[in-house]
PDB file of N, CA and C in Angstrom:
ATOM      1  N   MET A   1     108.118 143.444 333.532  1.00  0.00           N
ATOM      2  CA  MET A   1     107.571 142.225 334.091  1.00  0.00           C
ATOM      3  C   MET A   1     106.413 142.483 335.003  1.00  0.00           C
ATOM      4  N   GLN A   2     105.275 141.836 334.849  1.00  0.00           N
ATOM      5  CA  GLN A   2     104.123 141.943 335.750  1.00  0.00           C
ATOM      6  C   GLN A   2     104.228 141.130 336.966  1.00  0.00           C
ATOM      7  N   HIS A   3     103.904 141.814 338.000  1.00  0.00           N
ATOM      8  CA  HIS A   3     103.963 140.918 339.300  1.00  0.00           C
ATOM      9  C   HIS A   3     102.548 140.536 339.700  1.00  0.00           C
ATOM     10  N   LYS A   4     102.393 139.422 339.981  1.00  0.00           N
ATOM     11  CA  LYS A   4     101.104 138.806 340.401  1.00  0.00           C
ATOM     12  C   LYS A   4     101.140 138.686 341.928  1.00  0.00           C
ATOM     13  N   TYR A   5     100.194 139.292 342.728  1.00  0.00           N
ATOM     14  CA  TYR A   5     100.177 139.429 344.148  1.00  0.00           C
ATOM     15  C   TYR A   5      98.935 138.615 344.622  1.00  0.00           C
ATOM     16  N   LEU A   6      99.083 137.690 345.568  1.00  0.00           N
ATOM     17  CA  LEU A   6      97.987 136.773 345.936  1.00  0.00           C
ATOM     18  C   LEU A   6      97.613 137.198 347.317  1.00  0.00           C
ATOM     19  N   THR A   7      96.114 137.060 347.579  1.00  0.00           N
ATOM     20  CA  THR A   7      95.736 137.294 348.932  1.00  0.00           C
ATOM     21  C   THR A   7      96.002 135.874 349.696  1.00  0.00           C
ATOM     22  N   PRO A   8      95.939 135.874 350.951  1.00  0.00           N
ATOM     23  CA  PRO A   8      96.265 134.619 351.666  1.00  0.00           C
ATOM     24  C   PRO A   8      95.098 133.472 351.133  1.00  0.00           C
ATOM     25  N   LYS A   9      93.776 133.924 350.947  1.00  0.00           N
ATOM     26  CA  LYS A   9      92.842 133.052 350.415  1.00  0.00           C
ATOM     27  C   LYS A   9      93.214 132.370 349.167  1.00  0.00           C
ATOM     28  N   GLU A  10      93.807 133.223 348.345  1.00  0.00           N
ATOM     29  CA  GLU A  10      94.242 132.786 346.920  1.00  0.00           C
ATOM     30  C   GLU A  10      95.378 131.650 347.044  1.00  0.00           C
ATOM     31  N   VAL A  11      96.221 132.076 347.892  1.00  0.00           N
ATOM     32  CA  VAL A  11      97.487 131.174 348.296  1.00  0.00           C
ATOM     33  C   VAL A  11      96.923 129.966 348.827  1.00  0.00           C
ATOM     34  N   GLN A  12      95.957 129.873 349.634  1.00  0.00           N
ATOM     35  CA  GLN A  12      95.327 128.648 350.152  1.00  0.00           C
ATOM     36  C   GLN A  12      94.781 127.842 348.924  1.00  0.00           C
ATOM     37  N   GLU A  13      93.980 128.478 348.063  1.00  0.00           N
ATOM     38  CA  GLU A  13      93.394 127.814 347.009  1.00  0.00           C
ATOM     39  C   GLU A  13      94.292 127.187 346.063  1.00  0.00           C
ATOM     40  N   ILE A  14      95.384 127.957 345.800  1.00  0.00           N
ATOM     41  CA  ILE A  14      96.391 127.444 344.811  1.00  0.00           C
ATOM     42  C   ILE A  14      97.485 126.500 345.319  1.00  0.00           C
ATOM     43  N   TYR A  15      98.079 126.813 346.669  1.00  0.00           N
ATOM     44  CA  TYR A  15      99.018 125.905 347.210  1.00  0.00           C
ATOM     45  C   TYR A  15      98.443 125.039 348.309  1.00  0.00           C
ATOM     46  N   LYS A  16      97.324 125.135 348.755  1.00  0.00           N
ATOM     47  CA  LYS A  16      96.638 124.387 349.614  1.00  0.00           C
ATOM     48  C   LYS A  16      97.276 124.512 350.993  1.00  0.00           C
ATOM     49  N   ILE A  17      97.813 125.696 351.469  1.00  0.00           N
ATOM     50  CA  ILE A  17      98.212 126.026 352.608  1.00  0.00           C
ATOM     51  C   ILE A  17      97.198 126.828 353.319  1.00  0.00           C
ATOM     52  N   ASN A  18      96.721 126.495 354.472  1.00  0.00           N
ATOM     53  CA  ASN A  18      95.554 127.035 355.132  1.00  0.00           C
ATOM     54  C   ASN A  18      95.810 128.608 355.469  1.00  0.00           C
ATOM     55  N   VAL A  19      94.949 129.207 355.538  1.00  0.00           N
ATOM     56  CA  VAL A  19      95.058 130.715 355.813  1.00  0.00           C
ATOM     57  C   VAL A  19      95.535 130.817 357.258  1.00  0.00           C
ATOM     58  N   GLY A  20      95.216 130.085 358.173  1.00  0.00           N
ATOM     59  CA  GLY A  20      95.558 130.110 359.534  1.00  0.00           C
ATOM     60  C   GLY A  20      97.009 129.664 359.739  1.00  0.00           C
ATOM     61  N   THR A  21      97.434 128.741 358.805  1.00  0.00           N
ATOM     62  CA  THR A  21      98.890 128.302 358.808  1.00  0.00           C
ATOM     63  C   THR A  21      99.732 129.679 358.511  1.00  0.00           C
ATOM     64  N   LEU A  22      99.285 130.390 357.364  1.00  0.00           N
ATOM     65  CA  LEU A  22      99.867 131.564 356.884  1.00  0.00           C
ATOM     66  C   LEU A  22     100.121 132.533 357.936  1.00  0.00           C
ATOM     67  N   ALA A  23      98.873 132.857 358.557  1.00  0.00           N
ATOM     68  CA  ALA A  23      98.777 133.775 359.689  1.00  0.00           C
ATOM     69  C   ALA A  23      99.868 133.483 360.805  1.00  0.00           C
ATOM     70  N   ASN A  24      99.829 132.172 361.211  1.00  0.00           N
ATOM     71  CA  ASN A  24     100.750 131.610 362.299  1.00  0.00           C
ATOM     72  C   ASN A  24     102.194 131.883 361.679  1.00  0.00           C
ATOM     73  N   TRP A  25     102.593 131.533 360.507  1.00  0.00           N
ATOM     74  CA  TRP A  25     103.941 131.922 360.095  1.00  0.00           C
ATOM     75  C   TRP A  25     104.279 133.301 360.136  1.00  0.00           C
ATOM     76  N   ARG A  26     103.285 134.196 359.527  1.00  0.00           N
ATOM     77  CA  ARG A  26     103.590 135.552 359.783  1.00  0.00           C
ATOM     78  C   ARG A  26     103.940 136.122 361.179  1.00  0.00           C
ATOM     79  N   LEU A  27     103.031 135.477 362.146  1.00  0.00           N
ATOM     80  CA  LEU A  27     103.230 135.813 363.426  1.00  0.00           C
ATOM     81  C   LEU A  27     104.688 135.464 363.963  1.00  0.00           C
ATOM     82  N   TYR A  28     105.002 134.383 363.644  1.00  0.00           N
ATOM     83  CA  TYR A  28     106.301 133.961 364.173  1.00  0.00           C
ATOM     84  C   TYR A  28     107.587 134.089 363.302  1.00  0.00           C
ATOM     85  N   GLY A  29     107.333 134.909 362.107  1.00  0.00           N
ATOM     86  CA  GLY A  29     108.454 135.119 361.310  1.00  0.00           C
ATOM     87  C   GLY A  29     108.928 133.969 360.534  1.00  0.00           C
ATOM     88  N   LYS A  30     107.880 132.971 360.237  1.00  0.00           N
ATOM     89  CA  LYS A  30     108.378 132.003 359.351  1.00  0.00           C
ATOM     90  C   LYS A  30     107.684 131.738 358.020  1.00  0.00           C
ATOM     91  N   GLY A  31     107.894 131.031 357.252  1.00  0.00           N
ATOM     92  CA  GLY A  31     107.074 130.926 355.981  1.00  0.00           C
ATOM     93  C   GLY A  31     107.719 131.903 354.887  1.00  0.00           C
ATOM     94  N   PRO A  32     106.878 131.993 353.775  1.00  0.00           N
ATOM     95  CA  PRO A  32     107.314 132.804 352.764  1.00  0.00           C
ATOM     96  C   PRO A  32     107.094 134.324 352.984  1.00  0.00           C
ATOM     97  N   ALA A  33     108.019 135.154 352.312  1.00  0.00           N
ATOM     98  CA  ALA A  33     108.013 136.562 352.527  1.00  0.00           C
ATOM     99  C   ALA A  33     106.666 137.233 351.925  1.00  0.00           C
ATOM    100  N   TYR A  34     106.125 138.231 352.535  1.00  0.00           N
ATOM    101  CA  TYR A  34     104.971 138.837 352.308  1.00  0.00           C
ATOM    102  C   TYR A  34     104.960 140.224 352.204  1.00  0.00           C
ATOM    103  N   ILE A  35     103.967 140.848 351.656  1.00  0.00           N
ATOM    104  CA  ILE A  35     103.799 142.378 351.707  1.00  0.00           C
ATOM    105  C   ILE A  35     102.711 142.716 352.515  1.00  0.00           C
ATOM    106  N   LYS A  36     102.842 143.600 353.400  1.00  0.00           N
ATOM    107  CA  LYS A  36     101.750 144.163 354.169  1.00  0.00           C
ATOM    108  C   LYS A  36     101.627 145.688 353.880  1.00  0.00           C
ATOM    109  N   VAL A  37     100.336 146.039 353.546  1.00  0.00           N
ATOM    110  CA  VAL A  37     100.112 147.632 353.433  1.00  0.00           C
ATOM    111  C   VAL A  37      98.926 147.798 354.285  1.00  0.00           C
ATOM    112  N   GLY A  38      98.947 148.447 355.388  1.00  0.00           N
ATOM    113  CA  GLY A  38      97.948 148.632 356.334  1.00  0.00           C
ATOM    114  C   GLY A  38      97.550 147.252 356.774  1.00  0.00           C
ATOM    115  N   ARG A  39      96.267 146.894 356.650  1.00  0.00           N
ATOM    116  CA  ARG A  39      95.801 145.473 357.053  1.00  0.00           C
ATOM    117  C   ARG A  39      95.851 144.554 355.891  1.00  0.00           C
ATOM    118  N   LEU A  40      96.122 144.963 354.832  1.00  0.00           N
ATOM    119  CA  LEU A  40      96.150 143.952 353.633  1.00  0.00           C
ATOM    120  C   LEU A  40      97.433 143.212 353.635  1.00  0.00           C
ATOM    121  N   VAL A  41      97.407 141.923 353.279  1.00  0.00           N
ATOM    122  CA  VAL A  41      98.527 141.121 353.206  1.00  0.00           C
ATOM    123  C   VAL A  41      98.505 140.297 351.869  1.00  0.00           C
ATOM    124  N   ARG A  42      99.591 140.361 351.300  1.00  0.00           N
ATOM    125  CA  ARG A  42      99.865 139.860 349.892  1.00  0.00           C
ATOM    126  C   ARG A  42     101.086 139.042 349.752  1.00  0.00           C
ATOM    127  N   TYR A  43     101.001 137.980 348.955  1.00  0.00           N
ATOM    128  CA  TYR A  43     102.196 137.273 348.579  1.00  0.00           C
ATOM    129  C   TYR A  43     102.445 137.231 347.141  1.00  0.00           C
ATOM    130  N   GLU A  44     103.633 137.522 346.719  1.00  0.00           N
ATOM    131  CA  GLU A  44     103.872 137.560 345.423  1.00  0.00           C
ATOM    132  C   GLU A  44     104.105 136.063 344.910  1.00  0.00           C
ATOM    133  N   SER A  45     103.502 135.835 343.716  1.00  0.00           N
ATOM    134  CA  SER A  45     103.436 134.523 343.207  1.00  0.00           C
ATOM    135  C   SER A  45     104.977 134.052 343.126  1.00  0.00           C
ATOM    136  N   ALA A  46     105.892 134.593 342.557  1.00  0.00           N
ATOM    137  CA  ALA A  46     107.055 134.257 342.443  1.00  0.00           C
ATOM    138  C   ALA A  46     107.867 133.936 343.731  1.00  0.00           C
ATOM    139  N   THR A  47     107.454 134.709 344.828  1.00  0.00           N
ATOM    140  CA  THR A  47     107.994 134.337 346.089  1.00  0.00           C
ATOM    141  C   THR A  47     107.430 132.982 346.607  1.00  0.00           C
ATOM    142  N   MET A  48     106.336 132.702 346.246  1.00  0.00           N
ATOM    143  CA  MET A  48     105.604 131.452 346.662  1.00  0.00           C
ATOM    144  C   MET A  48     106.434 130.319 346.041  1.00  0.00           C
ATOM    145  N   GLU A  49     106.805 130.355 344.777  1.00  0.00           N
ATOM    146  CA  GLU A  49     107.423 129.457 344.072  1.00  0.00           C
ATOM    147  C   GLU A  49     108.780 129.260 344.721  1.00  0.00           C
ATOM    148  N   ASP A  50     109.544 130.290 344.889  1.00  0.00           N
ATOM    149  CA  ASP A  50     110.891 130.214 345.418  1.00  0.00           C
ATOM    150  C   ASP A  50     110.871 129.486 346.845  1.00  0.00           C
ATOM    151  N   PHE A  51     109.778 129.923 347.653  1.00  0.00           N
ATOM    152  CA  PHE A  51     109.739 129.344 348.865  1.00  0.00           C
ATOM    153  C   PHE A  51     109.575 127.774 348.867  1.00  0.00           C
ATOM    154  N   PHE A  52     108.783 127.300 347.885  1.00  0.00           N
ATOM    155  CA  PHE A  52     108.846 125.808 347.806  1.00  0.00           C
ATOM    156  C   PHE A  52     110.089 125.166 347.150  1.00  0.00           C
ATOM    157  N   GLN A  53     110.873 125.776 346.273  1.00  0.00           N
ATOM    158  CA  GLN A  53     111.905 125.419 345.786  1.00  0.00           C
ATOM    159  C   GLN A  53     113.018 125.317 346.958  1.00  0.00           C
ATOM    160  N   LYS A  54     113.088 126.357 347.841  1.00  0.00           N
ATOM    161  CA  LYS A  54     114.063 126.360 348.906  1.00  0.00           C
ATOM    162  C   LYS A  54     113.653 125.396 350.080  1.00  0.00           C
ATOM    163  N   ASN A  55     112.457 124.788 349.867  1.00  0.00           N
ATOM    164  CA  ASN A  55     112.057 123.787 351.050  1.00  0.00           C
ATOM    165  C   ASN A  55     111.935 122.461 350.612  1.00  0.00           C
ATOM    166  N   VAL A  56     112.701 122.156 349.497  1.00  0.00           N
ATOM    167  CA  VAL A  56     112.829 120.668 348.914  1.00  0.00           C
ATOM    168  C   VAL A  56     113.298 119.858 349.986  1.00  0.00           C
ATOM    169  N   VAL A  57     112.895 118.729 350.368  1.00  0.00           N
ATOM    170  CA  VAL A  57     113.487 117.705 351.158  1.00  0.00           C
ATOM    171  C   VAL A  57     113.899 116.503 350.352  1.00  0.00           C
ATOM    172  N   LEU A  58     115.068 116.108 350.270  1.00  0.00           N
ATOM    173  CA  LEU A  58     115.641 114.891 349.619  1.00  0.00           C
ATOM    174  C   LEU A  58     115.562 113.787 350.609  1.00  0.00           C
ATOM    175  N   THR A  59     115.068 112.630 349.934  1.00  0.00           N
ATOM    176  CA  THR A  59     115.039 111.377 350.629  1.00  0.00           C
ATOM    177  C   THR A  59     116.312 110.513 350.441  1.00  0.00           C
ATOM    178  N   SER A  60     116.474 109.502 351.126  1.00  0.00           N
ATOM    179  CA  SER A  60     117.844 108.814 350.857  1.00  0.00           C
ATOM    180  C   SER A  60     118.000 108.235 349.423  1.00  0.00           C
ATOM    181  N   ASP A  61     117.025 108.037 348.832  1.00  0.00           N
ATOM    182  CA  ASP A  61     117.112 107.536 347.303  1.00  0.00           C
ATOM    183  C   ASP A  61     117.364 108.568 346.436  1.00  0.00           C
ATOM    184  N   GLN A  62     117.566 109.986 346.895  1.00  0.00           N
ATOM    185  CA  GLN A  62     117.918 111.087 346.039  1.00  0.00           C
ATOM    186  C   GLN A  62     119.200 111.736 346.472  1.00  0.00           C
ATOM    187  N   PRO A  63     120.285 111.311 346.039  1.00  0.00           N
ATOM    188  CA  PRO A  63     121.615 111.498 346.722  1.00  0.00           C
ATOM    189  C   PRO A  63     121.933 113.079 346.145  1.00  0.00           C
ATOM    190  N   GLU A  64     121.560 113.692 344.920  1.00  0.00           N
ATOM    191  CA  GLU A  64     121.922 114.834 344.542  1.00  0.00           C
ATOM    192  C   GLU A  64     120.876 115.848 344.778  1.00  0.00           C
ATOM    193  N   LYS A  65     121.163 117.170 344.899  1.00  0.00           N
ATOM    194  CA  LYS A  65     120.428 118.234 345.176  1.00  0.00           C
ATOM    195  C   LYS A  65     119.766 118.589 343.874  1.00  0.00           C
ATOM    196  N   PRO A  66     118.515 118.717 343.674  1.00  0.00           N
ATOM    197  CA  PRO A  66     117.901 118.909 342.345  1.00  0.00           C
ATOM    198  C   PRO A  66     118.317 120.193 341.720  1.00  0.00           C
ATOM    199  N   LEU A  67     118.384 120.370 340.380  1.00  0.00           N
ATOM    200  CA  LEU A  67     118.804 121.446 339.654  1.00  0.00           C
ATOM    201  C   LEU A  67     117.875 122.658 339.916  1.00  0.00           C
ATOM    202  N   PRO A  68     118.393 123.941 339.952  1.00  0.00           N
ATOM    203  CA  PRO A  68     117.702 125.042 339.966  1.00  0.00           C
ATOM    204  C   PRO A  68     116.697 124.998 338.789  1.00  0.00           C
ATOM    205  N   SER A  69     115.489 125.829 338.811  1.00  0.00           N
ATOM    206  CA  SER A  69     114.652 125.784 337.675  1.00  0.00           C
ATOM    207  C   SER A  69     115.136 126.473 336.409  1.00  0.00           C
ATOM    208  N   SER A  70     116.311 127.221 336.674  1.00  0.00           N
ATOM    209  CA  SER A  70     116.906 127.836 335.491  1.00  0.00           C
ATOM    210  C   SER A  70     117.819 127.046 334.646  1.00  0.00           C
ATOM    211  N   GLY A  71     118.075 125.724 335.198  1.00  0.00           N
ATOM    212  CA  GLY A  71     118.854 124.821 334.528  1.00  0.00           C
ATOM    213  C   GLY A  71     120.385 124.880 334.800  1.00  0.00           C
ATOM    214  N   GLN A  72     120.823 125.985 335.692  1.00  0.00           N
ATOM    215  CA  GLN A  72     122.093 126.001 336.094  1.00  0.00           C
ATOM    216  C   GLN A  72     122.437 125.263 337.348  1.00  0.00           C
ATOM    217  N   ARG A  73     123.621 124.738 337.529  1.00  0.00           N
ATOM    218  CA  ARG A  73     123.963 123.936 338.662  1.00  0.00           C
ATOM    219  C   ARG A  73     124.505 124.951 339.670  1.00  0.00           C
ATOM    220  N   SER A  74     124.278 124.761 340.931  1.00  0.00           N
ATOM    221  CA  SER A  74     124.720 125.439 342.078  1.00  0.00           C
ATOM    222  C   SER A  74     126.138 125.096 342.261  1.00  0.00           C
ATOM    223  N   ALA A  75     126.888 125.987 342.996  1.00  0.00           N
ATOM    224  CA  ALA A  75     128.388 125.550 343.117  1.00  0.00           C
ATOM    225  C   ALA A  75     128.268 124.878 344.638  1.00  0.00           C
TER     226      ALA A  75
END
């Protein structure tokens, strides 16, 4: 399996999350997991997708939790 690593700038372009927001999340230990090698920061694309799936907010007209993308129900 090939891993795709994104720079903060690429994350901003794809997911519309400002690079400053990403930097603040890293500083305060929030947001998606990232990889840091020296001064280089990278986000794995699969990690970004997981981050969004884990942060789904249901409204009052959506009583059930959405199914995981694999199609299996959570217990």
